Amino acid sequence: MMAAREVPELREVWADIASFVLPA
């Protein structure tokens, strides 16, 4: 999450899986 704030490409990828991974 912290790295995604600095890299836009990683932010886009993380946005798709964050809502699935965080509840787990």
PDBML (XML) file of the C-alpha atoms, coordinates in Angstrom:
<?xml version="1.0" encoding="UTF-8" ?>
<PDBx:datablock datablockName="MODEL"
   xmlns:PDBx="http://pdbml.pdb.org/schema/pdbx-v50.xsd"
   xmlns:xsi="http://www.w3.org/2001/XMLSchema-instance"
   xsi:schemaLocation="http://pdbml.pdb.org/schema/pdbx-v50.xsd pdbx-v50.xsd">
   <PDBx:atom_siteCategory>
      <PDBx:atom_site id="1">
         <PDBx:B_iso_or_equiv>0.00</PDBx:B_iso_or_equiv>
         <PDBx:Cartn_x>0.000</PDBx:Cartn_x>
         <PDBx:Cartn_y>0.000</PDBx:Cartn_y>
         <PDBx:Cartn_z>0.000</PDBx:Cartn_z>
         <PDBx:auth_asym_id>A</PDBx:auth_asym_id>
         <PDBx:auth_atom_id>CA</PDBx:auth_atom_id>
         <PDBx:auth_comp_id>MET</PDBx:auth_comp_id>
         <PDBx:auth_seq_id>1</PDBx:auth_seq_id>
         <PDBx:group_PDB>ATOM</PDBx:group_PDB>
         <PDBx:label_alt_id xsi:nil="true" />
         <PDBx:label_asym_id>A</PDBx:label_asym_id>
         <PDBx:label_atom_id>CA</PDBx:label_atom_id>
         <PDBx:label_comp_id>MET</PDBx:label_comp_id>
         <PDBx:label_entity_id>1</PDBx:label_entity_id>
         <PDBx:label_seq_id>1</PDBx:label_seq_id>
         <PDBx:occupancy>1.00</PDBx:occupancy>
         <PDBx:pdbx_PDB_model_num>1</PDBx:pdbx_PDB_model_num>
         <PDBx:type_symbol>C</PDBx:type_symbol>
      </PDBx:atom_site>
      <PDBx:atom_site id="2">
         <PDBx:B_iso_or_equiv>0.00</PDBx:B_iso_or_equiv>
         <PDBx:Cartn_x>2.811</PDBx:Cartn_x>
         <PDBx:Cartn_y>2.419</PDBx:Cartn_y>
         <PDBx:Cartn_z>0.848</PDBx:Cartn_z>
         <PDBx:auth_asym_id>A</PDBx:auth_asym_id>
         <PDBx:auth_atom_id>CA</PDBx:auth_atom_id>
         <PDBx:auth_comp_id>MET</PDBx:auth_comp_id>
         <PDBx:auth_seq_id>2</PDBx:auth_seq_id>
         <PDBx:group_PDB>ATOM</PDBx:group_PDB>
         <PDBx:label_alt_id xsi:nil="true" />
         <PDBx:label_asym_id>A</PDBx:label_asym_id>
         <PDBx:label_atom_id>CA</PDBx:label_atom_id>
         <PDBx:label_comp_id>MET</PDBx:label_comp_id>
         <PDBx:label_entity_id>1</PDBx:label_entity_id>
         <PDBx:label_seq_id>2</PDBx:label_seq_id>
         <PDBx:occupancy>1.00</PDBx:occupancy>
         <PDBx:pdbx_PDB_model_num>1</PDBx:pdbx_PDB_model_num>
         <PDBx:type_symbol>C</PDBx:type_symbol>
      </PDBx:atom_site>
      <PDBx:atom_site id="3">
         <PDBx:B_iso_or_equiv>0.00</PDBx:B_iso_or_equiv>
         <PDBx:Cartn_x>4.697</PDBx:Cartn_x>
         <PDBx:Cartn_y>1.586</PDBx:Cartn_y>
         <PDBx:Cartn_z>-2.366</PDBx:Cartn_z>
         <PDBx:auth_asym_id>A</PDBx:auth_asym_id>
         <PDBx:auth_atom_id>CA</PDBx:auth_atom_id>
         <PDBx:auth_comp_id>ALA</PDBx:auth_comp_id>
         <PDBx:auth_seq_id>3</PDBx:auth_seq_id>
         <PDBx:group_PDB>ATOM</PDBx:group_PDB>
         <PDBx:label_alt_id xsi:nil="true" />
         <PDBx:label_asym_id>A</PDBx:label_asym_id>
         <PDBx:label_atom_id>CA</PDBx:label_atom_id>
         <PDBx:label_comp_id>ALA</PDBx:label_comp_id>
         <PDBx:label_entity_id>1</PDBx:label_entity_id>
         <PDBx:label_seq_id>3</PDBx:label_seq_id>
         <PDBx:occupancy>1.00</PDBx:occupancy>
         <PDBx:pdbx_PDB_model_num>1</PDBx:pdbx_PDB_model_num>
         <PDBx:type_symbol>C</PDBx:type_symbol>
      </PDBx:atom_site>
      <PDBx:atom_site id="4">
         <PDBx:B_iso_or_equiv>0.00</PDBx:B_iso_or_equiv>
         <PDBx:Cartn_x>1.544</PDBx:Cartn_x>
         <PDBx:Cartn_y>2.035</PDBx:Cartn_y>
         <PDBx:Cartn_z>-4.443</PDBx:Cartn_z>
         <PDBx:auth_asym_id>A</PDBx:auth_asym_id>
         <PDBx:auth_atom_id>CA</PDBx:auth_atom_id>
         <PDBx:auth_comp_id>ALA</PDBx:auth_comp_id>
         <PDBx:auth_seq_id>4</PDBx:auth_seq_id>
         <PDBx:group_PDB>ATOM</PDBx:group_PDB>
         <PDBx:label_alt_id xsi:nil="true" />
         <PDBx:label_asym_id>A</PDBx:label_asym_id>
         <PDBx:label_atom_id>CA</PDBx:label_atom_id>
         <PDBx:label_comp_id>ALA</PDBx:label_comp_id>
         <PDBx:label_entity_id>1</PDBx:label_entity_id>
         <PDBx:label_seq_id>4</PDBx:label_seq_id>
         <PDBx:occupancy>1.00</PDBx:occupancy>
         <PDBx:pdbx_PDB_model_num>1</PDBx:pdbx_PDB_model_num>
         <PDBx:type_symbol>C</PDBx:type_symbol>
      </PDBx:atom_site>
      <PDBx:atom_site id="5">
         <PDBx:B_iso_or_equiv>0.00</PDBx:B_iso_or_equiv>
         <PDBx:Cartn_x>1.353</PDBx:Cartn_x>
         <PDBx:Cartn_y>5.659</PDBx:Cartn_y>
         <PDBx:Cartn_z>-3.318</PDBx:Cartn_z>
         <PDBx:auth_asym_id>A</PDBx:auth_asym_id>
         <PDBx:auth_atom_id>CA</PDBx:auth_atom_id>
         <PDBx:auth_comp_id>ARG</PDBx:auth_comp_id>
         <PDBx:auth_seq_id>5</PDBx:auth_seq_id>
         <PDBx:group_PDB>ATOM</PDBx:group_PDB>
         <PDBx:label_alt_id xsi:nil="true" />
         <PDBx:label_asym_id>A</PDBx:label_asym_id>
         <PDBx:label_atom_id>CA</PDBx:label_atom_id>
         <PDBx:label_comp_id>ARG</PDBx:label_comp_id>
         <PDBx:label_entity_id>1</PDBx:label_entity_id>
         <PDBx:label_seq_id>5</PDBx:label_seq_id>
         <PDBx:occupancy>1.00</PDBx:occupancy>
         <PDBx:pdbx_PDB_model_num>1</PDBx:pdbx_PDB_model_num>
         <PDBx:type_symbol>C</PDBx:type_symbol>
      </PDBx:atom_site>
      <PDBx:atom_site id="6">
         <PDBx:B_iso_or_equiv>0.00</PDBx:B_iso_or_equiv>
         <PDBx:Cartn_x>4.691</PDBx:Cartn_x>
         <PDBx:Cartn_y>6.382</PDBx:Cartn_y>
         <PDBx:Cartn_z>-5.020</PDBx:Cartn_z>
         <PDBx:auth_asym_id>A</PDBx:auth_asym_id>
         <PDBx:auth_atom_id>CA</PDBx:auth_atom_id>
         <PDBx:auth_comp_id>GLU</PDBx:auth_comp_id>
         <PDBx:auth_seq_id>6</PDBx:auth_seq_id>
         <PDBx:group_PDB>ATOM</PDBx:group_PDB>
         <PDBx:label_alt_id xsi:nil="true" />
         <PDBx:label_asym_id>A</PDBx:label_asym_id>
         <PDBx:label_atom_id>CA</PDBx:label_atom_id>
         <PDBx:label_comp_id>GLU</PDBx:label_comp_id>
         <PDBx:label_entity_id>1</PDBx:label_entity_id>
         <PDBx:label_seq_id>6</PDBx:label_seq_id>
         <PDBx:occupancy>1.00</PDBx:occupancy>
         <PDBx:pdbx_PDB_model_num>1</PDBx:pdbx_PDB_model_num>
         <PDBx:type_symbol>C</PDBx:type_symbol>
      </PDBx:atom_site>
      <PDBx:atom_site id="7">
         <PDBx:B_iso_or_equiv>0.00</PDBx:B_iso_or_equiv>
         <PDBx:Cartn_x>4.308</PDBx:Cartn_x>
         <PDBx:Cartn_y>4.355</PDBx:Cartn_y>
         <PDBx:Cartn_z>-8.233</PDBx:Cartn_z>
         <PDBx:auth_asym_id>A</PDBx:auth_asym_id>
         <PDBx:auth_atom_id>CA</PDBx:auth_atom_id>
         <PDBx:auth_comp_id>VAL</PDBx:auth_comp_id>
         <PDBx:auth_seq_id>7</PDBx:auth_seq_id>
         <PDBx:group_PDB>ATOM</PDBx:group_PDB>
         <PDBx:label_alt_id xsi:nil="true" />
         <PDBx:label_asym_id>A</PDBx:label_asym_id>
         <PDBx:label_atom_id>CA</PDBx:label_atom_id>
         <PDBx:label_comp_id>VAL</PDBx:label_comp_id>
         <PDBx:label_entity_id>1</PDBx:label_entity_id>
         <PDBx:label_seq_id>7</PDBx:label_seq_id>
         <PDBx:occupancy>1.00</PDBx:occupancy>
         <PDBx:pdbx_PDB_model_num>1</PDBx:pdbx_PDB_model_num>
         <PDBx:type_symbol>C</PDBx:type_symbol>
      </PDBx:atom_site>
      <PDBx:atom_site id="8">
         <PDBx:B_iso_or_equiv>0.00</PDBx:B_iso_or_equiv>
         <PDBx:Cartn_x>1.190</PDBx:Cartn_x>
         <PDBx:Cartn_y>5.054</PDBx:Cartn_y>
         <PDBx:Cartn_z>-10.343</PDBx:Cartn_z>
         <PDBx:auth_asym_id>A</PDBx:auth_asym_id>
         <PDBx:auth_atom_id>CA</PDBx:auth_atom_id>
         <PDBx:auth_comp_id>PRO</PDBx:auth_comp_id>
         <PDBx:auth_seq_id>8</PDBx:auth_seq_id>
         <PDBx:group_PDB>ATOM</PDBx:group_PDB>
         <PDBx:label_alt_id xsi:nil="true" />
         <PDBx:label_asym_id>A</PDBx:label_asym_id>
         <PDBx:label_atom_id>CA</PDBx:label_atom_id>
         <PDBx:label_comp_id>PRO</PDBx:label_comp_id>
         <PDBx:label_entity_id>1</PDBx:label_entity_id>
         <PDBx:label_seq_id>8</PDBx:label_seq_id>
         <PDBx:occupancy>1.00</PDBx:occupancy>
         <PDBx:pdbx_PDB_model_num>1</PDBx:pdbx_PDB_model_num>
         <PDBx:type_symbol>C</PDBx:type_symbol>
      </PDBx:atom_site>
      <PDBx:atom_site id="9">
         <PDBx:B_iso_or_equiv>0.00</PDBx:B_iso_or_equiv>
         <PDBx:Cartn_x>1.426</PDBx:Cartn_x>
         <PDBx:Cartn_y>1.754</PDBx:Cartn_y>
         <PDBx:Cartn_z>-12.212</PDBx:Cartn_z>
         <PDBx:auth_asym_id>A</PDBx:auth_asym_id>
         <PDBx:auth_atom_id>CA</PDBx:auth_atom_id>
         <PDBx:auth_comp_id>GLU</PDBx:auth_comp_id>
         <PDBx:auth_seq_id>9</PDBx:auth_seq_id>
         <PDBx:group_PDB>ATOM</PDBx:group_PDB>
         <PDBx:label_alt_id xsi:nil="true" />
         <PDBx:label_asym_id>A</PDBx:label_asym_id>
         <PDBx:label_atom_id>CA</PDBx:label_atom_id>
         <PDBx:label_comp_id>GLU</PDBx:label_comp_id>
         <PDBx:label_entity_id>1</PDBx:label_entity_id>
         <PDBx:label_seq_id>9</PDBx:label_seq_id>
         <PDBx:occupancy>1.00</PDBx:occupancy>
         <PDBx:pdbx_PDB_model_num>1</PDBx:pdbx_PDB_model_num>
         <PDBx:type_symbol>C</PDBx:type_symbol>
      </PDBx:atom_site>
      <PDBx:atom_site id="10">
         <PDBx:B_iso_or_equiv>0.00</PDBx:B_iso_or_equiv>
         <PDBx:Cartn_x>1.490</PDBx:Cartn_x>
         <PDBx:Cartn_y>-0.211</PDBx:Cartn_y>
         <PDBx:Cartn_z>-8.952</PDBx:Cartn_z>
         <PDBx:auth_asym_id>A</PDBx:auth_asym_id>
         <PDBx:auth_atom_id>CA</PDBx:auth_atom_id>
         <PDBx:auth_comp_id>LEU</PDBx:auth_comp_id>
         <PDBx:auth_seq_id>10</PDBx:auth_seq_id>
         <PDBx:group_PDB>ATOM</PDBx:group_PDB>
         <PDBx:label_alt_id xsi:nil="true" />
         <PDBx:label_asym_id>A</PDBx:label_asym_id>
         <PDBx:label_atom_id>CA</PDBx:label_atom_id>
         <PDBx:label_comp_id>LEU</PDBx:label_comp_id>
         <PDBx:label_entity_id>1</PDBx:label_entity_id>
         <PDBx:label_seq_id>10</PDBx:label_seq_id>
         <PDBx:occupancy>1.00</PDBx:occupancy>
         <PDBx:pdbx_PDB_model_num>1</PDBx:pdbx_PDB_model_num>
         <PDBx:type_symbol>C</PDBx:type_symbol>
      </PDBx:atom_site>
      <PDBx:atom_site id="11">
         <PDBx:B_iso_or_equiv>0.00</PDBx:B_iso_or_equiv>
         <PDBx:Cartn_x>-1.347</PDBx:Cartn_x>
         <PDBx:Cartn_y>1.940</PDBx:Cartn_y>
         <PDBx:Cartn_z>-7.623</PDBx:Cartn_z>
         <PDBx:auth_asym_id>A</PDBx:auth_asym_id>
         <PDBx:auth_atom_id>CA</PDBx:auth_atom_id>
         <PDBx:auth_comp_id>ARG</PDBx:auth_comp_id>
         <PDBx:auth_seq_id>11</PDBx:auth_seq_id>
         <PDBx:group_PDB>ATOM</PDBx:group_PDB>
         <PDBx:label_alt_id xsi:nil="true" />
         <PDBx:label_asym_id>A</PDBx:label_asym_id>
         <PDBx:label_atom_id>CA</PDBx:label_atom_id>
         <PDBx:label_comp_id>ARG</PDBx:label_comp_id>
         <PDBx:label_entity_id>1</PDBx:label_entity_id>
         <PDBx:label_seq_id>11</PDBx:label_seq_id>
         <PDBx:occupancy>1.00</PDBx:occupancy>
         <PDBx:pdbx_PDB_model_num>1</PDBx:pdbx_PDB_model_num>
         <PDBx:type_symbol>C</PDBx:type_symbol>
      </PDBx:atom_site>
      <PDBx:atom_site id="12">
         <PDBx:B_iso_or_equiv>0.00</PDBx:B_iso_or_equiv>
         <PDBx:Cartn_x>-3.558</PDBx:Cartn_x>
         <PDBx:Cartn_y>0.871</PDBx:Cartn_y>
         <PDBx:Cartn_z>-10.520</PDBx:Cartn_z>
         <PDBx:auth_asym_id>A</PDBx:auth_asym_id>
         <PDBx:auth_atom_id>CA</PDBx:auth_atom_id>
         <PDBx:auth_comp_id>GLU</PDBx:auth_comp_id>
         <PDBx:auth_seq_id>12</PDBx:auth_seq_id>
         <PDBx:group_PDB>ATOM</PDBx:group_PDB>
         <PDBx:label_alt_id xsi:nil="true" />
         <PDBx:label_asym_id>A</PDBx:label_asym_id>
         <PDBx:label_atom_id>CA</PDBx:label_atom_id>
         <PDBx:label_comp_id>GLU</PDBx:label_comp_id>
         <PDBx:label_entity_id>1</PDBx:label_entity_id>
         <PDBx:label_seq_id>12</PDBx:label_seq_id>
         <PDBx:occupancy>1.00</PDBx:occupancy>
         <PDBx:pdbx_PDB_model_num>1</PDBx:pdbx_PDB_model_num>
         <PDBx:type_symbol>C</PDBx:type_symbol>
      </PDBx:atom_site>
      <PDBx:atom_site id="13">
         <PDBx:B_iso_or_equiv>0.00</PDBx:B_iso_or_equiv>
         <PDBx:Cartn_x>-2.793</PDBx:Cartn_x>
         <PDBx:Cartn_y>-2.801</PDBx:Cartn_y>
         <PDBx:Cartn_z>-9.982</PDBx:Cartn_z>
         <PDBx:auth_asym_id>A</PDBx:auth_asym_id>
         <PDBx:auth_atom_id>CA</PDBx:auth_atom_id>
         <PDBx:auth_comp_id>VAL</PDBx:auth_comp_id>
         <PDBx:auth_seq_id>13</PDBx:auth_seq_id>
         <PDBx:group_PDB>ATOM</PDBx:group_PDB>
         <PDBx:label_alt_id xsi:nil="true" />
         <PDBx:label_asym_id>A</PDBx:label_asym_id>
         <PDBx:label_atom_id>CA</PDBx:label_atom_id>
         <PDBx:label_comp_id>VAL</PDBx:label_comp_id>
         <PDBx:label_entity_id>1</PDBx:label_entity_id>
         <PDBx:label_seq_id>13</PDBx:label_seq_id>
         <PDBx:occupancy>1.00</PDBx:occupancy>
         <PDBx:pdbx_PDB_model_num>1</PDBx:pdbx_PDB_model_num>
         <PDBx:type_symbol>C</PDBx:type_symbol>
      </PDBx:atom_site>
      <PDBx:atom_site id="14">
         <PDBx:B_iso_or_equiv>0.00</PDBx:B_iso_or_equiv>
         <PDBx:Cartn_x>-3.200</PDBx:Cartn_x>
         <PDBx:Cartn_y>-2.558</PDBx:Cartn_y>
         <PDBx:Cartn_z>-6.214</PDBx:Cartn_z>
         <PDBx:auth_asym_id>A</PDBx:auth_asym_id>
         <PDBx:auth_atom_id>CA</PDBx:auth_atom_id>
         <PDBx:auth_comp_id>TRP</PDBx:auth_comp_id>
         <PDBx:auth_seq_id>14</PDBx:auth_seq_id>
         <PDBx:group_PDB>ATOM</PDBx:group_PDB>
         <PDBx:label_alt_id xsi:nil="true" />
         <PDBx:label_asym_id>A</PDBx:label_asym_id>
         <PDBx:label_atom_id>CA</PDBx:label_atom_id>
         <PDBx:label_comp_id>TRP</PDBx:label_comp_id>
         <PDBx:label_entity_id>1</PDBx:label_entity_id>
         <PDBx:label_seq_id>14</PDBx:label_seq_id>
         <PDBx:occupancy>1.00</PDBx:occupancy>
         <PDBx:pdbx_PDB_model_num>1</PDBx:pdbx_PDB_model_num>
         <PDBx:type_symbol>C</PDBx:type_symbol>
      </PDBx:atom_site>
      <PDBx:atom_site id="15">
         <PDBx:B_iso_or_equiv>0.00</PDBx:B_iso_or_equiv>
         <PDBx:Cartn_x>-6.558</PDBx:Cartn_x>
         <PDBx:Cartn_y>-0.791</PDBx:Cartn_y>
         <PDBx:Cartn_z>-6.535</PDBx:Cartn_z>
         <PDBx:auth_asym_id>A</PDBx:auth_asym_id>
         <PDBx:auth_atom_id>CA</PDBx:auth_atom_id>
         <PDBx:auth_comp_id>ALA</PDBx:auth_comp_id>
         <PDBx:auth_seq_id>15</PDBx:auth_seq_id>
         <PDBx:group_PDB>ATOM</PDBx:group_PDB>
         <PDBx:label_alt_id xsi:nil="true" />
         <PDBx:label_asym_id>A</PDBx:label_asym_id>
         <PDBx:label_atom_id>CA</PDBx:label_atom_id>
         <PDBx:label_comp_id>ALA</PDBx:label_comp_id>
         <PDBx:label_entity_id>1</PDBx:label_entity_id>
         <PDBx:label_seq_id>15</PDBx:label_seq_id>
         <PDBx:occupancy>1.00</PDBx:occupancy>
         <PDBx:pdbx_PDB_model_num>1</PDBx:pdbx_PDB_model_num>
         <PDBx:type_symbol>C</PDBx:type_symbol>
      </PDBx:atom_site>
      <PDBx:atom_site id="16">
         <PDBx:B_iso_or_equiv>0.00</PDBx:B_iso_or_equiv>
         <PDBx:Cartn_x>-8.002</PDBx:Cartn_x>
         <PDBx:Cartn_y>-3.868</PDBx:Cartn_y>
         <PDBx:Cartn_z>-8.262</PDBx:Cartn_z>
         <PDBx:auth_asym_id>A</PDBx:auth_asym_id>
         <PDBx:auth_atom_id>CA</PDBx:auth_atom_id>
         <PDBx:auth_comp_id>ASP</PDBx:auth_comp_id>
         <PDBx:auth_seq_id>16</PDBx:auth_seq_id>
         <PDBx:group_PDB>ATOM</PDBx:group_PDB>
         <PDBx:label_alt_id xsi:nil="true" />
         <PDBx:label_asym_id>A</PDBx:label_asym_id>
         <PDBx:label_atom_id>CA</PDBx:label_atom_id>
         <PDBx:label_comp_id>ASP</PDBx:label_comp_id>
         <PDBx:label_entity_id>1</PDBx:label_entity_id>
         <PDBx:label_seq_id>16</PDBx:label_seq_id>
         <PDBx:occupancy>1.00</PDBx:occupancy>
         <PDBx:pdbx_PDB_model_num>1</PDBx:pdbx_PDB_model_num>
         <PDBx:type_symbol>C</PDBx:type_symbol>
      </PDBx:atom_site>
      <PDBx:atom_site id="17">
         <PDBx:B_iso_or_equiv>0.00</PDBx:B_iso_or_equiv>
         <PDBx:Cartn_x>-6.963</PDBx:Cartn_x>
         <PDBx:Cartn_y>-6.352</PDBx:Cartn_y>
         <PDBx:Cartn_z>-5.590</PDBx:Cartn_z>
         <PDBx:auth_asym_id>A</PDBx:auth_asym_id>
         <PDBx:auth_atom_id>CA</PDBx:auth_atom_id>
         <PDBx:auth_comp_id>ILE</PDBx:auth_comp_id>
         <PDBx:auth_seq_id>17</PDBx:auth_seq_id>
         <PDBx:group_PDB>ATOM</PDBx:group_PDB>
         <PDBx:label_alt_id xsi:nil="true" />
         <PDBx:label_asym_id>A</PDBx:label_asym_id>
         <PDBx:label_atom_id>CA</PDBx:label_atom_id>
         <PDBx:label_comp_id>ILE</PDBx:label_comp_id>
         <PDBx:label_entity_id>1</PDBx:label_entity_id>
         <PDBx:label_seq_id>17</PDBx:label_seq_id>
         <PDBx:occupancy>1.00</PDBx:occupancy>
         <PDBx:pdbx_PDB_model_num>1</PDBx:pdbx_PDB_model_num>
         <PDBx:type_symbol>C</PDBx:type_symbol>
      </PDBx:atom_site>
      <PDBx:atom_site id="18">
         <PDBx:B_iso_or_equiv>0.00</PDBx:B_iso_or_equiv>
         <PDBx:Cartn_x>-6.991</PDBx:Cartn_x>
         <PDBx:Cartn_y>-4.253</PDBx:Cartn_y>
         <PDBx:Cartn_z>-2.409</PDBx:Cartn_z>
         <PDBx:auth_asym_id>A</PDBx:auth_asym_id>
         <PDBx:auth_atom_id>CA</PDBx:auth_atom_id>
         <PDBx:auth_comp_id>ALA</PDBx:auth_comp_id>
         <PDBx:auth_seq_id>18</PDBx:auth_seq_id>
         <PDBx:group_PDB>ATOM</PDBx:group_PDB>
         <PDBx:label_alt_id xsi:nil="true" />
         <PDBx:label_asym_id>A</PDBx:label_asym_id>
         <PDBx:label_atom_id>CA</PDBx:label_atom_id>
         <PDBx:label_comp_id>ALA</PDBx:label_comp_id>
         <PDBx:label_entity_id>1</PDBx:label_entity_id>
         <PDBx:label_seq_id>18</PDBx:label_seq_id>
         <PDBx:occupancy>1.00</PDBx:occupancy>
         <PDBx:pdbx_PDB_model_num>1</PDBx:pdbx_PDB_model_num>
         <PDBx:type_symbol>C</PDBx:type_symbol>
      </PDBx:atom_site>
      <PDBx:atom_site id="19">
         <PDBx:B_iso_or_equiv>0.00</PDBx:B_iso_or_equiv>
         <PDBx:Cartn_x>-10.726</PDBx:Cartn_x>
         <PDBx:Cartn_y>-4.617</PDBx:Cartn_y>
         <PDBx:Cartn_z>-1.820</PDBx:Cartn_z>
         <PDBx:auth_asym_id>A</PDBx:auth_asym_id>
         <PDBx:auth_atom_id>CA</PDBx:auth_atom_id>
         <PDBx:auth_comp_id>SER</PDBx:auth_comp_id>
         <PDBx:auth_seq_id>19</PDBx:auth_seq_id>
         <PDBx:group_PDB>ATOM</PDBx:group_PDB>
         <PDBx:label_alt_id xsi:nil="true" />
         <PDBx:label_asym_id>A</PDBx:label_asym_id>
         <PDBx:label_atom_id>CA</PDBx:label_atom_id>
         <PDBx:label_comp_id>SER</PDBx:label_comp_id>
         <PDBx:label_entity_id>1</PDBx:label_entity_id>
         <PDBx:label_seq_id>19</PDBx:label_seq_id>
         <PDBx:occupancy>1.00</PDBx:occupancy>
         <PDBx:pdbx_PDB_model_num>1</PDBx:pdbx_PDB_model_num>
         <PDBx:type_symbol>C</PDBx:type_symbol>
      </PDBx:atom_site>
      <PDBx:atom_site id="20">
         <PDBx:B_iso_or_equiv>0.00</PDBx:B_iso_or_equiv>
         <PDBx:Cartn_x>-10.328</PDBx:Cartn_x>
         <PDBx:Cartn_y>-8.402</PDBx:Cartn_y>
         <PDBx:Cartn_z>-2.038</PDBx:Cartn_z>
         <PDBx:auth_asym_id>A</PDBx:auth_asym_id>
         <PDBx:auth_atom_id>CA</PDBx:auth_atom_id>
         <PDBx:auth_comp_id>PHE</PDBx:auth_comp_id>
         <PDBx:auth_seq_id>20</PDBx:auth_seq_id>
         <PDBx:group_PDB>ATOM</PDBx:group_PDB>
         <PDBx:label_alt_id xsi:nil="true" />
         <PDBx:label_asym_id>A</PDBx:label_asym_id>
         <PDBx:label_atom_id>CA</PDBx:label_atom_id>
         <PDBx:label_comp_id>PHE</PDBx:label_comp_id>
         <PDBx:label_entity_id>1</PDBx:label_entity_id>
         <PDBx:label_seq_id>20</PDBx:label_seq_id>
         <PDBx:occupancy>1.00</PDBx:occupancy>
         <PDBx:pdbx_PDB_model_num>1</PDBx:pdbx_PDB_model_num>
         <PDBx:type_symbol>C</PDBx:type_symbol>
      </PDBx:atom_site>
      <PDBx:atom_site id="21">
         <PDBx:B_iso_or_equiv>0.00</PDBx:B_iso_or_equiv>
         <PDBx:Cartn_x>-7.114</PDBx:Cartn_x>
         <PDBx:Cartn_y>-8.778</PDBx:Cartn_y>
         <PDBx:Cartn_z>-0.019</PDBx:Cartn_z>
         <PDBx:auth_asym_id>A</PDBx:auth_asym_id>
         <PDBx:auth_atom_id>CA</PDBx:auth_atom_id>
         <PDBx:auth_comp_id>VAL</PDBx:auth_comp_id>
         <PDBx:auth_seq_id>21</PDBx:auth_seq_id>
         <PDBx:group_PDB>ATOM</PDBx:group_PDB>
         <PDBx:label_alt_id xsi:nil="true" />
         <PDBx:label_asym_id>A</PDBx:label_asym_id>
         <PDBx:label_atom_id>CA</PDBx:label_atom_id>
         <PDBx:label_comp_id>VAL</PDBx:label_comp_id>
         <PDBx:label_entity_id>1</PDBx:label_entity_id>
         <PDBx:label_seq_id>21</PDBx:label_seq_id>
         <PDBx:occupancy>1.00</PDBx:occupancy>
         <PDBx:pdbx_PDB_model_num>1</PDBx:pdbx_PDB_model_num>
         <PDBx:type_symbol>C</PDBx:type_symbol>
      </PDBx:atom_site>
      <PDBx:atom_site id="22">
         <PDBx:B_iso_or_equiv>0.00</PDBx:B_iso_or_equiv>
         <PDBx:Cartn_x>-7.791</PDBx:Cartn_x>
         <PDBx:Cartn_y>-6.338</PDBx:Cartn_y>
         <PDBx:Cartn_z>2.835</PDBx:Cartn_z>
         <PDBx:auth_asym_id>A</PDBx:auth_asym_id>
         <PDBx:auth_atom_id>CA</PDBx:auth_atom_id>
         <PDBx:auth_comp_id>LEU</PDBx:auth_comp_id>
         <PDBx:auth_seq_id>22</PDBx:auth_seq_id>
         <PDBx:group_PDB>ATOM</PDBx:group_PDB>
         <PDBx:label_alt_id xsi:nil="true" />
         <PDBx:label_asym_id>A</PDBx:label_asym_id>
         <PDBx:label_atom_id>CA</PDBx:label_atom_id>
         <PDBx:label_comp_id>LEU</PDBx:label_comp_id>
         <PDBx:label_entity_id>1</PDBx:label_entity_id>
         <PDBx:label_seq_id>22</PDBx:label_seq_id>
         <PDBx:occupancy>1.00</PDBx:occupancy>
         <PDBx:pdbx_PDB_model_num>1</PDBx:pdbx_PDB_model_num>
         <PDBx:type_symbol>C</PDBx:type_symbol>
      </PDBx:atom_site>
      <PDBx:atom_site id="23">
         <PDBx:B_iso_or_equiv>0.00</PDBx:B_iso_or_equiv>
         <PDBx:Cartn_x>-10.888</PDBx:Cartn_x>
         <PDBx:Cartn_y>-8.178</PDBx:Cartn_y>
         <PDBx:Cartn_z>4.197</PDBx:Cartn_z>
         <PDBx:auth_asym_id>A</PDBx:auth_asym_id>
         <PDBx:auth_atom_id>CA</PDBx:auth_atom_id>
         <PDBx:auth_comp_id>PRO</PDBx:auth_comp_id>
         <PDBx:auth_seq_id>23</PDBx:auth_seq_id>
         <PDBx:group_PDB>ATOM</PDBx:group_PDB>
         <PDBx:label_alt_id xsi:nil="true" />
         <PDBx:label_asym_id>A</PDBx:label_asym_id>
         <PDBx:label_atom_id>CA</PDBx:label_atom_id>
         <PDBx:label_comp_id>PRO</PDBx:label_comp_id>
         <PDBx:label_entity_id>1</PDBx:label_entity_id>
         <PDBx:label_seq_id>23</PDBx:label_seq_id>
         <PDBx:occupancy>1.00</PDBx:occupancy>
         <PDBx:pdbx_PDB_model_num>1</PDBx:pdbx_PDB_model_num>
         <PDBx:type_symbol>C</PDBx:type_symbol>
      </PDBx:atom_site>
      <PDBx:atom_site id="24">
         <PDBx:B_iso_or_equiv>0.00</PDBx:B_iso_or_equiv>
         <PDBx:Cartn_x>-8.924</PDBx:Cartn_x>
         <PDBx:Cartn_y>-11.441</PDBx:Cartn_y>
         <PDBx:Cartn_z>4.157</PDBx:Cartn_z>
         <PDBx:auth_asym_id>A</PDBx:auth_asym_id>
         <PDBx:auth_atom_id>CA</PDBx:auth_atom_id>
         <PDBx:auth_comp_id>ALA</PDBx:auth_comp_id>
         <PDBx:auth_seq_id>24</PDBx:auth_seq_id>
         <PDBx:group_PDB>ATOM</PDBx:group_PDB>
         <PDBx:label_alt_id xsi:nil="true" />
         <PDBx:label_asym_id>A</PDBx:label_asym_id>
         <PDBx:label_atom_id>CA</PDBx:label_atom_id>
         <PDBx:label_comp_id>ALA</PDBx:label_comp_id>
         <PDBx:label_entity_id>1</PDBx:label_entity_id>
         <PDBx:label_seq_id>24</PDBx:label_seq_id>
         <PDBx:occupancy>1.00</PDBx:occupancy>
         <PDBx:pdbx_PDB_model_num>1</PDBx:pdbx_PDB_model_num>
         <PDBx:type_symbol>C</PDBx:type_symbol>
      </PDBx:atom_site>
   </PDBx:atom_siteCategory>
</PDBx:datablock>
